[in-house]
Amino acid sequence: MGYKSKTVVLGVLSVLLILAFLFYDVGTNWQYILSKRTAKVLAIVLTGGAIAFSTVIFQTITNNRILTPNIMGFDSLYLLIQTVIVFLLGSTTLTMMNNNVHFLMTVGIMVVFALLLYKILFKRNDQNIYFLLLIGIIFGTFFESFSSFMQVLIDPNEFQIVQDRMFASFNNIKTDLLLVASILIVLVTLYFVPFMKYLDVLALGREHAVNLGVDYDYVVKRLLIVVAILISIATALVGPITFLGLLVVNVTYEFLKTYRHSFLIISSIFIAIIALVGGQLVVERIFTFSTTLSVILNFVGGVYFIYLLLKENKSW
């Protein structure tokens, strides 16, 4: 089976799982249940799609399959922003602030961070994966430590507001952000389309891309903006999911066995939808909410991350 046929299979499976999630055990009050489930599944699709999409781009421009935007500290930055708002302005400001305004402000801060990250990662030519991982760990640890320091100082009641945003939840999705998130994802996708043709070349590495005529610095800076916006959208909707991107994108690489990024991006989005929708079905119908999907994903993803590190270490 070729990679095109595999992509079609993944698409069909995604649609079937979405239909199963929407219509399984609807009951008599189907209008109310369908409206709730539709909002939840739309948020899941947007979240999974944004994380998979951004991870494929990020791994291509960093030229390795271990780094993800979350591992590089983007989700820790999101939590730091929430903590700083509560620490400086109080929890009332965070709860009373218009969700769309807060969301757009968070996106803007993360884009600025992405540009700073660009200057650190891509101004030298001799980085290896250890250096990139070290930078990610430093940023993530700094943001988490600074957040923890401020969380200790704030009022316990206000800390509860921050704590609600510290863990990913598909049962408490901010549905009022779905419209602005959908619009942003469409706009980001349209902005990304002209750069799509460069990804296959960027995967060859900086030197080869430059030799083949790609304006490397210009393209990579724009792609990092795309990554920052997509990750902030996903994090704002459901909270941080550290290892989802690593898991679904590497499974996509192994499943498709192709370098064509047009198919890699689409298939990784389908696999993310399968993982999230299927996982949420299992959590709700089998585990009856005794655990959360984010815990399962982070556990499986963390184990897979260690496996990838050991695998890469052998190849080096």
C-alpha atoms as a PDB file:
ATOM      1  CA  MET A   1       0.000   0.000   0.000  1.00  0.00           C
ATOM      2  CA  GLY A   2       1.430   3.370  -1.050  1.00  0.00           C
ATOM      3  CA  TYR A   3       1.512   6.498   1.080  1.00  0.00           C
ATOM      4  CA  LYS A   4      -1.435   7.982  -0.834  1.00  0.00           C
ATOM      5  CA  SER A   5      -3.629   4.971  -0.057  1.00  0.00           C
ATOM      6  CA  LYS A   6      -2.484   5.019   3.567  1.00  0.00           C
ATOM      7  CA  THR A   7      -3.491   8.682   3.839  1.00  0.00           C
ATOM      8  CA  VAL A   8      -6.969   7.861   2.522  1.00  0.00           C
ATOM      9  CA  VAL A   9      -7.309   5.013   5.039  1.00  0.00           C
ATOM     10  CA  LEU A  10      -6.341   7.333   7.891  1.00  0.00           C
ATOM     11  CA  GLY A  11      -8.869   9.912   6.689  1.00  0.00           C
ATOM     12  CA  VAL A  12     -11.684   7.355   6.560  1.00  0.00           C
ATOM     13  CA  LEU A  13     -10.794   6.043  10.019  1.00  0.00           C
ATOM     14  CA  SER A  14     -10.796   9.595  11.394  1.00  0.00           C
ATOM     15  CA  VAL A  15     -14.274  10.263  10.006  1.00  0.00           C
ATOM     16  CA  LEU A  16     -15.610   6.959  11.394  1.00  0.00           C
ATOM     17  CA  LEU A  17     -14.264   7.705  14.868  1.00  0.00           C
ATOM     18  CA  ILE A  18     -15.748  11.210  14.806  1.00  0.00           C
ATOM     19  CA  LEU A  19     -19.143   9.803  13.814  1.00  0.00           C
ATOM     20  CA  ALA A  20     -18.890   7.169  16.555  1.00  0.00           C
ATOM     21  CA  PHE A  21     -18.030   9.871  19.099  1.00  0.00           C
ATOM     22  CA  LEU A  22     -20.963  12.024  18.013  1.00  0.00           C
ATOM     23  CA  PHE A  23     -23.724   9.431  17.686  1.00  0.00           C
ATOM     24  CA  TYR A  24     -22.853   6.612  20.118  1.00  0.00           C
ATOM     25  CA  ASP A  25     -25.551   6.276  22.789  1.00  0.00           C
ATOM     26  CA  VAL A  26     -27.189   9.614  21.946  1.00  0.00           C
ATOM     27  CA  GLY A  27     -30.433   8.813  23.735  1.00  0.00           C
ATOM     28  CA  THR A  28     -33.684  10.744  23.569  1.00  0.00           C
ATOM     29  CA  ASN A  29     -32.286  14.211  24.300  1.00  0.00           C
ATOM     30  CA  TRP A  30     -30.186  14.026  21.170  1.00  0.00           C
ATOM     31  CA  GLN A  31     -30.216  17.724  20.254  1.00  0.00           C
ATOM     32  CA  TYR A  32     -28.589  18.819  23.506  1.00  0.00           C
ATOM     33  CA  ILE A  33     -26.106  15.930  23.514  1.00  0.00           C
ATOM     34  CA  LEU A  34     -25.121  16.453  19.871  1.00  0.00           C
ATOM     35  CA  SER A  35     -24.522  20.181  20.424  1.00  0.00           C
ATOM     36  CA  LYS A  36     -22.198  19.424  23.347  1.00  0.00           C
ATOM     37  CA  ARG A  37     -20.393  16.630  21.549  1.00  0.00           C
ATOM     38  CA  THR A  38     -20.003  18.670  18.352  1.00  0.00           C
ATOM     39  CA  ALA A  39     -18.291  21.493  20.227  1.00  0.00           C
ATOM     40  CA  LYS A  40     -16.014  18.997  21.991  1.00  0.00           C
ATOM     41  CA  VAL A  41     -15.072  17.090  18.842  1.00  0.00           C
ATOM     42  CA  LEU A  42     -14.429  20.346  16.943  1.00  0.00           C
ATOM     43  CA  ALA A  43     -12.056  21.470  19.693  1.00  0.00           C
ATOM     44  CA  ILE A  44     -10.355  18.070  19.648  1.00  0.00           C
ATOM     45  CA  VAL A  45      -9.920  18.218  15.862  1.00  0.00           C
ATOM     46  CA  LEU A  46      -8.549  21.771  16.008  1.00  0.00           C
ATOM     47  CA  THR A  47      -6.183  20.896  18.848  1.00  0.00           C
ATOM     48  CA  GLY A  48      -4.881  17.676  17.314  1.00  0.00           C
ATOM     49  CA  GLY A  49      -4.566  19.235  13.878  1.00  0.00           C
ATOM     50  CA  ALA A  50      -2.711  22.302  15.164  1.00  0.00           C
ATOM     51  CA  ILE A  51      -0.252  20.249  17.244  1.00  0.00           C
ATOM     52  CA  ALA A  52       0.463  17.750  14.453  1.00  0.00           C
ATOM     53  CA  PHE A  53       0.734  20.483  11.804  1.00  0.00           C
ATOM     54  CA  SER A  54       3.148  22.590  13.867  1.00  0.00           C
ATOM     55  CA  THR A  55       5.259  19.606  14.938  1.00  0.00           C
ATOM     56  CA  VAL A  56       5.891  18.475  11.345  1.00  0.00           C
ATOM     57  CA  ILE A  57       7.021  22.001  10.452  1.00  0.00           C
ATOM     58  CA  PHE A  58       9.187  22.374  13.571  1.00  0.00           C
ATOM     59  CA  GLN A  59      10.908  19.018  13.137  1.00  0.00           C
ATOM     60  CA  THR A  60      11.626  19.850   9.505  1.00  0.00           C
ATOM     61  CA  ILE A  61      13.256  23.217  10.166  1.00  0.00           C
ATOM     62  CA  THR A  62      15.250  21.862  13.149  1.00  0.00           C
ATOM     63  CA  ASN A  63      16.120  18.818  11.015  1.00  0.00           C
ATOM     64  CA  ASN A  64      15.437  16.119  13.614  1.00  0.00           C
ATOM     65  CA  ARG A  65      12.512  13.994  14.755  1.00  0.00           C
ATOM     66  CA  ILE A  66      12.846  14.383  18.512  1.00  0.00           C
ATOM     67  CA  LEU A  67      12.279  18.094  19.067  1.00  0.00           C
ATOM     68  CA  THR A  68       8.731  19.439  19.287  1.00  0.00           C
ATOM     69  CA  PRO A  69       7.466  22.949  20.053  1.00  0.00           C
ATOM     70  CA  ASN A  70       6.183  21.714  23.442  1.00  0.00           C
ATOM     71  CA  ILE A  71       9.528  20.166  24.409  1.00  0.00           C
ATOM     72  CA  MET A  72      11.138  23.493  23.480  1.00  0.00           C
ATOM     73  CA  GLY A  73       9.096  25.261  26.165  1.00  0.00           C
ATOM     74  CA  PHE A  74       6.060  26.707  24.377  1.00  0.00           C
ATOM     75  CA  ASP A  75       3.545  25.138  26.773  1.00  0.00           C
ATOM     76  CA  SER A  76       5.600  26.233  29.796  1.00  0.00           C
ATOM     77  CA  LEU A  77       5.549  29.773  28.408  1.00  0.00           C
ATOM     78  CA  TYR A  78       1.764  29.596  28.152  1.00  0.00           C
ATOM     79  CA  LEU A  79       1.485  28.655  31.841  1.00  0.00           C
ATOM     80  CA  LEU A  80       3.938  31.417  32.763  1.00  0.00           C
ATOM     81  CA  ILE A  81       1.746  33.983  31.005  1.00  0.00           C
ATOM     82  CA  GLN A  82      -1.322  32.853  32.980  1.00  0.00           C
ATOM     83  CA  THR A  83       0.627  32.932  36.251  1.00  0.00           C
ATOM     84  CA  VAL A  84       2.075  36.403  35.604  1.00  0.00           C
ATOM     85  CA  ILE A  85      -1.403  37.802  34.887  1.00  0.00           C
ATOM     86  CA  VAL A  86      -2.763  36.428  38.159  1.00  0.00           C
ATOM     87  CA  PHE A  87       0.355  37.451  40.122  1.00  0.00           C
ATOM     88  CA  LEU A  88       0.377  41.047  38.865  1.00  0.00           C
ATOM     89  CA  LEU A  89      -3.301  41.769  38.244  1.00  0.00           C
ATOM     90  CA  GLY A  90      -5.169  39.192  40.325  1.00  0.00           C
ATOM     91  CA  SER A  91      -7.394  36.291  39.365  1.00  0.00           C
ATOM     92  CA  THR A  92     -10.363  38.599  38.854  1.00  0.00           C
ATOM     93  CA  THR A  93      -8.601  40.141  35.870  1.00  0.00           C
ATOM     94  CA  LEU A  94      -8.049  36.712  34.311  1.00  0.00           C
ATOM     95  CA  THR A  95     -11.635  35.574  34.848  1.00  0.00           C
ATOM     96  CA  MET A  96     -13.188  38.892  33.791  1.00  0.00           C
ATOM     97  CA  MET A  97     -10.946  39.423  30.783  1.00  0.00           C
ATOM     98  CA  ASN A  98     -12.580  38.719  27.453  1.00  0.00           C
ATOM     99  CA  ASN A  99     -11.436  35.242  26.430  1.00  0.00           C
ATOM    100  CA  ASN A 100     -10.774  36.287  22.842  1.00  0.00           C
ATOM    101  CA  VAL A 101      -8.654  39.268  23.946  1.00  0.00           C
ATOM    102  CA  HIS A 102      -6.712  37.068  26.360  1.00  0.00           C
ATOM    103  CA  PHE A 103      -6.255  34.447  23.674  1.00  0.00           C
ATOM    104  CA  LEU A 104      -4.919  36.934  21.092  1.00  0.00           C
ATOM    105  CA  MET A 105      -2.576  38.481  23.672  1.00  0.00           C
ATOM    106  CA  THR A 106      -1.163  35.043  24.477  1.00  0.00           C
ATOM    107  CA  VAL A 107      -0.627  34.315  20.787  1.00  0.00           C
ATOM    108  CA  GLY A 108       1.279  37.595  20.366  1.00  0.00           C
ATOM    109  CA  ILE A 109       3.629  36.867  23.283  1.00  0.00           C
ATOM    110  CA  MET A 110       4.348  33.373  21.987  1.00  0.00           C
ATOM    111  CA  VAL A 111       5.153  34.718  18.522  1.00  0.00           C
ATOM    112  CA  VAL A 112       7.721  37.076  20.068  1.00  0.00           C
ATOM    113  CA  PHE A 113       9.228  34.118  21.937  1.00  0.00           C
ATOM    114  CA  ALA A 114       9.390  32.162  18.672  1.00  0.00           C
ATOM    115  CA  LEU A 115      11.412  34.935  17.049  1.00  0.00           C
ATOM    116  CA  LEU A 116      13.838  34.999  20.002  1.00  0.00           C
ATOM    117  CA  LEU A 117      14.122  31.220  19.763  1.00  0.00           C
ATOM    118  CA  TYR A 118      14.958  31.606  16.078  1.00  0.00           C
ATOM    119  CA  LYS A 119      17.877  33.895  16.861  1.00  0.00           C
ATOM    120  CA  ILE A 120      19.291  31.416  19.370  1.00  0.00           C
ATOM    121  CA  LEU A 121      18.826  28.245  17.310  1.00  0.00           C
ATOM    122  CA  PHE A 122      19.674  29.319  13.790  1.00  0.00           C
ATOM    123  CA  LYS A 123      22.405  31.923  13.986  1.00  0.00           C
ATOM    124  CA  ARG A 124      25.074  29.246  14.378  1.00  0.00           C
ATOM    125  CA  ASN A 125      25.678  26.340  12.045  1.00  0.00           C
ATOM    126  CA  ASP A 126      27.265  23.832  14.420  1.00  0.00           C
ATOM    127  CA  GLN A 127      24.312  22.906  16.648  1.00  0.00           C
ATOM    128  CA  ASN A 128      23.622  19.244  17.251  1.00  0.00           C
ATOM    129  CA  ILE A 129      20.615  17.628  18.824  1.00  0.00           C
ATOM    130  CA  TYR A 130      22.127  17.802  22.310  1.00  0.00           C
ATOM    131  CA  PHE A 131      22.472  21.571  22.044  1.00  0.00           C
ATOM    132  CA  LEU A 132      18.887  21.955  20.810  1.00  0.00           C
ATOM    133  CA  LEU A 133      17.517  19.738  23.579  1.00  0.00           C
ATOM    134  CA  LEU A 134      19.581  21.649  26.126  1.00  0.00           C
ATOM    135  CA  ILE A 135      18.111  24.962  24.949  1.00  0.00           C
ATOM    136  CA  GLY A 136      14.622  23.503  25.178  1.00  0.00           C
ATOM    137  CA  ILE A 137      15.195  22.146  28.679  1.00  0.00           C
ATOM    138  CA  ILE A 138      16.662  25.472  29.826  1.00  0.00           C
ATOM    139  CA  PHE A 139      13.703  27.471  28.530  1.00  0.00           C
ATOM    140  CA  GLY A 140      11.132  24.989  29.837  1.00  0.00           C
ATOM    141  CA  THR A 141      12.783  24.732  33.255  1.00  0.00           C
ATOM    142  CA  PHE A 142      13.152  28.501  33.562  1.00  0.00           C
ATOM    143  CA  PHE A 143       9.512  29.146  32.685  1.00  0.00           C
ATOM    144  CA  GLU A 144       8.278  26.388  35.022  1.00  0.00           C
ATOM    145  CA  SER A 145      10.510  27.489  37.907  1.00  0.00           C
ATOM    146  CA  PHE A 146       9.506  31.130  37.545  1.00  0.00           C
ATOM    147  CA  SER A 147       5.837  30.100  37.395  1.00  0.00           C
ATOM    148  CA  SER A 148       6.225  27.935  40.514  1.00  0.00           C
ATOM    149  CA  PHE A 149       7.942  30.782  42.375  1.00  0.00           C
ATOM    150  CA  MET A 150       5.056  33.153  41.661  1.00  0.00           C
ATOM    151  CA  GLN A 151       2.451  30.467  42.413  1.00  0.00           C
ATOM    152  CA  VAL A 152       3.913  30.077  45.914  1.00  0.00           C
ATOM    153  CA  LEU A 153       3.525  33.809  46.538  1.00  0.00           C
ATOM    154  CA  ILE A 154      -0.037  34.278  45.305  1.00  0.00           C
ATOM    155  CA  ASP A 155      -3.183  33.721  47.346  1.00  0.00           C
ATOM    156  CA  PRO A 156      -4.281  30.032  47.519  1.00  0.00           C
ATOM    157  CA  ASN A 157      -7.686  30.934  46.094  1.00  0.00           C
ATOM    158  CA  GLU A 158      -6.051  32.646  43.132  1.00  0.00           C
ATOM    159  CA  PHE A 159      -3.705  29.690  42.691  1.00  0.00           C
ATOM    160  CA  GLN A 160      -6.786  27.557  42.042  1.00  0.00           C
ATOM    161  CA  ILE A 161      -7.490  29.681  38.952  1.00  0.00           C
ATOM    162  CA  VAL A 162      -3.958  29.075  37.661  1.00  0.00           C
ATOM    163  CA  GLN A 163      -4.129  25.369  38.519  1.00  0.00           C
ATOM    164  CA  ASP A 164      -7.208  24.950  36.327  1.00  0.00           C
ATOM    165  CA  ARG A 165      -5.071  25.993  33.359  1.00  0.00           C
ATOM    166  CA  MET A 166      -2.069  23.808  34.201  1.00  0.00           C
ATOM    167  CA  PHE A 167      -3.505  20.530  32.923  1.00  0.00           C
ATOM    168  CA  ALA A 168      -5.013  19.637  29.582  1.00  0.00           C
ATOM    169  CA  SER A 169      -8.691  18.776  29.735  1.00  0.00           C
ATOM    170  CA  PHE A 170     -10.992  17.715  26.925  1.00  0.00           C
ATOM    171  CA  ASN A 171     -13.958  17.839  29.288  1.00  0.00           C
ATOM    172  CA  ASN A 172     -13.631  21.546  30.054  1.00  0.00           C
ATOM    173  CA  ILE A 173     -12.958  23.005  26.634  1.00  0.00           C
ATOM    174  CA  LYS A 174     -13.276  26.749  26.103  1.00  0.00           C
ATOM    175  CA  THR A 175     -15.929  26.504  23.404  1.00  0.00           C
ATOM    176  CA  ASP A 176     -16.243  30.289  23.117  1.00  0.00           C
ATOM    177  CA  LEU A 177     -12.764  30.295  21.559  1.00  0.00           C
ATOM    178  CA  LEU A 178     -13.710  27.849  18.803  1.00  0.00           C
ATOM    179  CA  LEU A 179     -14.727  30.538  16.317  1.00  0.00           C
ATOM    180  CA  VAL A 180     -11.639  32.727  16.700  1.00  0.00           C
ATOM    181  CA  ALA A 181      -9.413  29.625  16.827  1.00  0.00           C
ATOM    182  CA  SER A 182     -10.955  28.277  13.613  1.00  0.00           C
ATOM    183  CA  ILE A 183     -10.499  31.631  11.868  1.00  0.00           C
ATOM    184  CA  LEU A 184      -6.879  31.872  13.028  1.00  0.00           C
ATOM    185  CA  ILE A 185      -6.088  28.342  11.856  1.00  0.00           C
ATOM    186  CA  VAL A 186      -7.584  29.081   8.420  1.00  0.00           C
ATOM    187  CA  LEU A 187      -5.592  32.322   8.150  1.00  0.00           C
ATOM    188  CA  VAL A 188      -2.373  30.633   9.309  1.00  0.00           C
ATOM    189  CA  THR A 189      -2.904  27.819   6.812  1.00  0.00           C
ATOM    190  CA  LEU A 190      -3.384  30.319   3.976  1.00  0.00           C
ATOM    191  CA  TYR A 191      -0.241  32.150   5.113  1.00  0.00           C
ATOM    192  CA  PHE A 192       1.645  28.841   5.181  1.00  0.00           C
ATOM    193  CA  VAL A 193       0.619  27.633   1.699  1.00  0.00           C
ATOM    194  CA  PRO A 194       3.306  29.620  -0.226  1.00  0.00           C
ATOM    195  CA  PHE A 195       6.005  28.105   2.036  1.00  0.00           C
ATOM    196  CA  MET A 196       4.751  24.544   1.630  1.00  0.00           C
ATOM    197  CA  LYS A 197       6.995  23.949  -1.381  1.00  0.00           C
ATOM    198  CA  TYR A 198      10.116  24.631   0.699  1.00  0.00           C
ATOM    199  CA  LEU A 199       9.593  21.945   3.342  1.00  0.00           C
ATOM    200  CA  ASP A 200      10.871  19.022   1.266  1.00  0.00           C
ATOM    201  CA  VAL A 201      14.055  21.004   0.586  1.00  0.00           C
ATOM    202  CA  LEU A 202      14.440  22.231   4.182  1.00  0.00           C
ATOM    203  CA  ALA A 203      14.384  18.596   5.315  1.00  0.00           C
ATOM    204  CA  LEU A 204      17.738  18.164   3.548  1.00  0.00           C
ATOM    205  CA  GLY A 205      19.403  20.598   5.964  1.00  0.00           C
ATOM    206  CA  ARG A 206      20.423  24.236   5.934  1.00  0.00           C
ATOM    207  CA  GLU A 207      23.406  23.888   3.606  1.00  0.00           C
ATOM    208  CA  HIS A 208      21.536  21.946   0.935  1.00  0.00           C
ATOM    209  CA  ALA A 209      18.536  24.283   1.148  1.00  0.00           C
ATOM    210  CA  VAL A 210      20.727  27.355   0.672  1.00  0.00           C
ATOM    211  CA  ASN A 211      22.585  25.712  -2.219  1.00  0.00           C
ATOM    212  CA  LEU A 212      19.251  24.943  -3.882  1.00  0.00           C
ATOM    213  CA  GLY A 213      18.256  28.595  -3.762  1.00  0.00           C
ATOM    214  CA  VAL A 214      16.047  28.769  -0.660  1.00  0.00           C
ATOM    215  CA  ASP A 215      16.146  32.036   1.316  1.00  0.00           C
ATOM    216  CA  TYR A 216      16.642  29.999   4.475  1.00  0.00           C
ATOM    217  CA  ASP A 217      16.478  32.706   7.152  1.00  0.00           C
ATOM    218  CA  TYR A 218      13.391  34.330   5.634  1.00  0.00           C
ATOM    219  CA  VAL A 219      11.493  31.047   5.242  1.00  0.00           C
ATOM    220  CA  VAL A 220      12.386  29.617   8.651  1.00  0.00           C
ATOM    221  CA  LYS A 221      11.422  32.801  10.504  1.00  0.00           C
ATOM    222  CA  ARG A 222       7.968  32.780   8.876  1.00  0.00           C
ATOM    223  CA  LEU A 223       7.501  29.089   9.582  1.00  0.00           C
ATOM    224  CA  LEU A 224       8.363  29.621  13.258  1.00  0.00           C
ATOM    225  CA  ILE A 225       5.612  32.238  13.464  1.00  0.00           C
ATOM    226  CA  VAL A 226       3.202  29.651  12.052  1.00  0.00           C
ATOM    227  CA  VAL A 227       4.371  27.111  14.648  1.00  0.00           C
ATOM    228  CA  ALA A 228       3.961  29.575  17.536  1.00  0.00           C
ATOM    229  CA  ILE A 229       0.423  30.523  16.537  1.00  0.00           C
ATOM    230  CA  LEU A 230      -0.665  26.901  16.056  1.00  0.00           C
ATOM    231  CA  ILE A 231       0.754  25.770  19.402  1.00  0.00           C
ATOM    232  CA  SER A 232      -0.793  28.705  21.250  1.00  0.00           C
ATOM    233  CA  ILE A 233      -4.176  27.900  19.701  1.00  0.00           C
ATOM    234  CA  ALA A 234      -3.967  24.269  20.813  1.00  0.00           C
ATOM    235  CA  THR A 235      -2.751  25.138  24.315  1.00  0.00           C
ATOM    236  CA  ALA A 236      -5.378  27.845  24.839  1.00  0.00           C
ATOM    237  CA  LEU A 237      -8.180  25.476  23.864  1.00  0.00           C
ATOM    238  CA  VAL A 238      -7.410  22.490  26.095  1.00  0.00           C
ATOM    239  CA  GLY A 239      -4.147  23.149  27.958  1.00  0.00           C
ATOM    240  CA  PRO A 240      -0.601  21.786  27.487  1.00  0.00           C
ATOM    241  CA  ILE A 241      -0.090  18.312  25.993  1.00  0.00           C
ATOM    242  CA  THR A 242       3.661  17.826  25.935  1.00  0.00           C
ATOM    243  CA  PHE A 243       4.188  14.635  23.952  1.00  0.00           C
ATOM    244  CA  LEU A 244       1.222  14.440  21.553  1.00  0.00           C
ATOM    245  CA  GLY A 245       3.098  16.011  18.650  1.00  0.00           C
ATOM    246  CA  LEU A 246       6.157  13.816  19.155  1.00  0.00           C
ATOM    247  CA  LEU A 247       4.004  10.701  19.224  1.00  0.00           C
ATOM    248  CA  VAL A 248       1.707  11.278  16.243  1.00  0.00           C
ATOM    249  CA  VAL A 249       4.326  12.746  13.904  1.00  0.00           C
ATOM    250  CA  ASN A 250       6.867   9.982  14.465  1.00  0.00           C
ATOM    251  CA  VAL A 251       4.140   7.380  13.994  1.00  0.00           C
ATOM    252  CA  THR A 252       3.293   9.158  10.723  1.00  0.00           C
ATOM    253  CA  TYR A 253       6.899   8.981   9.525  1.00  0.00           C
ATOM    254  CA  GLU A 254       7.078   5.268  10.304  1.00  0.00           C
ATOM    255  CA  PHE A 255       3.674   4.526   8.765  1.00  0.00           C
ATOM    256  CA  LEU A 256       3.969   6.505   5.522  1.00  0.00           C
ATOM    257  CA  LYS A 257       7.680   5.996   4.739  1.00  0.00           C
ATOM    258  CA  THR A 258       7.797   9.101   2.543  1.00  0.00           C
ATOM    259  CA  TYR A 259       9.471  12.507   2.502  1.00  0.00           C
ATOM    260  CA  ARG A 260       6.505  14.287   0.863  1.00  0.00           C
ATOM    261  CA  HIS A 261       5.444  16.865   3.435  1.00  0.00           C
ATOM    262  CA  SER A 262       2.077  17.459   1.825  1.00  0.00           C
ATOM    263  CA  PHE A 263       1.114  13.891   2.766  1.00  0.00           C
ATOM    264  CA  LEU A 264       3.037  13.904   6.040  1.00  0.00           C
ATOM    265  CA  ILE A 265       1.115  16.930   7.327  1.00  0.00           C
ATOM    266  CA  ILE A 266      -2.302  15.616   6.304  1.00  0.00           C
ATOM    267  CA  SER A 267      -1.629  12.119   7.652  1.00  0.00           C
ATOM    268  CA  SER A 268      -0.227  13.407  10.946  1.00  0.00           C
ATOM    269  CA  ILE A 269      -3.386  15.471  11.424  1.00  0.00           C
ATOM    270  CA  PHE A 270      -5.495  12.359  10.783  1.00  0.00           C
ATOM    271  CA  ILE A 271      -3.434  10.312  13.250  1.00  0.00           C
ATOM    272  CA  ALA A 272      -3.751  13.067  15.870  1.00  0.00           C
ATOM    273  CA  ILE A 273      -7.533  13.054  15.393  1.00  0.00           C
ATOM    274  CA  ILE A 274      -7.601   9.249  15.658  1.00  0.00           C
ATOM    275  CA  ALA A 275      -5.520   9.356  18.846  1.00  0.00           C
ATOM    276  CA  LEU A 276      -7.552  12.109  20.511  1.00  0.00           C
ATOM    277  CA  VAL A 277     -11.076  11.141  19.437  1.00  0.00           C
ATOM    278  CA  GLY A 278     -10.416   7.425  19.918  1.00  0.00           C
ATOM    279  CA  GLY A 279      -8.686   8.070  23.223  1.00  0.00           C
ATOM    280  CA  GLN A 280     -11.519  10.255  24.466  1.00  0.00           C
ATOM    281  CA  LEU A 281     -14.002   7.534  23.537  1.00  0.00           C
ATOM    282  CA  VAL A 282     -12.002   5.038  25.598  1.00  0.00           C
ATOM    283  CA  VAL A 283     -11.747   7.436  28.553  1.00  0.00           C
ATOM    284  CA  GLU A 284     -15.474   8.156  28.539  1.00  0.00           C
ATOM    285  CA  ARG A 285     -16.911   4.727  27.659  1.00  0.00           C
ATOM    286  CA  ILE A 286     -14.427   2.256  29.146  1.00  0.00           C
ATOM    287  CA  PHE A 287     -12.682   4.116  31.971  1.00  0.00           C
ATOM    288  CA  THR A 288     -15.829   6.197  32.732  1.00  0.00           C
ATOM    289  CA  PHE A 289     -13.751   9.340  33.371  1.00  0.00           C
ATOM    290  CA  SER A 290     -11.614   7.625  36.026  1.00  0.00           C
ATOM    291  CA  THR A 291      -8.559   9.041  34.257  1.00  0.00           C
ATOM    292  CA  THR A 292      -7.878  11.774  31.711  1.00  0.00           C
ATOM    293  CA  LEU A 293      -6.719  11.507  28.137  1.00  0.00           C
ATOM    294  CA  SER A 294      -3.817  13.913  28.669  1.00  0.00           C
ATOM    295  CA  VAL A 295      -2.343  11.642  31.373  1.00  0.00           C
ATOM    296  CA  ILE A 296      -2.447   8.640  29.040  1.00  0.00           C
ATOM    297  CA  LEU A 297      -0.983  10.594  26.108  1.00  0.00           C
ATOM    298  CA  ASN A 298       1.831  12.087  28.180  1.00  0.00           C
ATOM    299  CA  PHE A 299       2.713   8.685  29.652  1.00  0.00           C
ATOM    300  CA  VAL A 300       2.799   6.914  26.266  1.00  0.00           C
ATOM    301  CA  GLY A 301       4.528   9.879  24.635  1.00  0.00           C
ATOM    302  CA  GLY A 302       7.131  10.101  27.389  1.00  0.00           C
ATOM    303  CA  VAL A 303       8.007   6.410  27.024  1.00  0.00           C
ATOM    304  CA  TYR A 304       8.218   6.836  23.238  1.00  0.00           C
ATOM    305  CA  PHE A 305      10.435   9.907  23.670  1.00  0.00           C
ATOM    306  CA  ILE A 306      12.906   7.895  25.768  1.00  0.00           C
ATOM    307  CA  TYR A 307      12.814   5.142  23.125  1.00  0.00           C
ATOM    308  CA  LEU A 308      13.640   7.656  20.386  1.00  0.00           C
ATOM    309  CA  LEU A 309      16.543   9.077  22.382  1.00  0.00           C
ATOM    310  CA  LEU A 310      17.999   5.604  22.912  1.00  0.00           C
ATOM    311  CA  LYS A 311      17.460   4.747  19.249  1.00  0.00           C
ATOM    312  CA  GLU A 312      19.183   7.932  18.053  1.00  0.00           C
ATOM    313  CA  ASN A 313      22.025   7.416  20.515  1.00  0.00           C
ATOM    314  CA  LYS A 314      22.783   4.024  18.943  1.00  0.00           C
ATOM    315  CA  SER A 315      22.841   5.550  15.467  1.00  0.00           C
ATOM    316  CA  TRP A 316      25.319   8.215  16.621  1.00  0.00           C
END
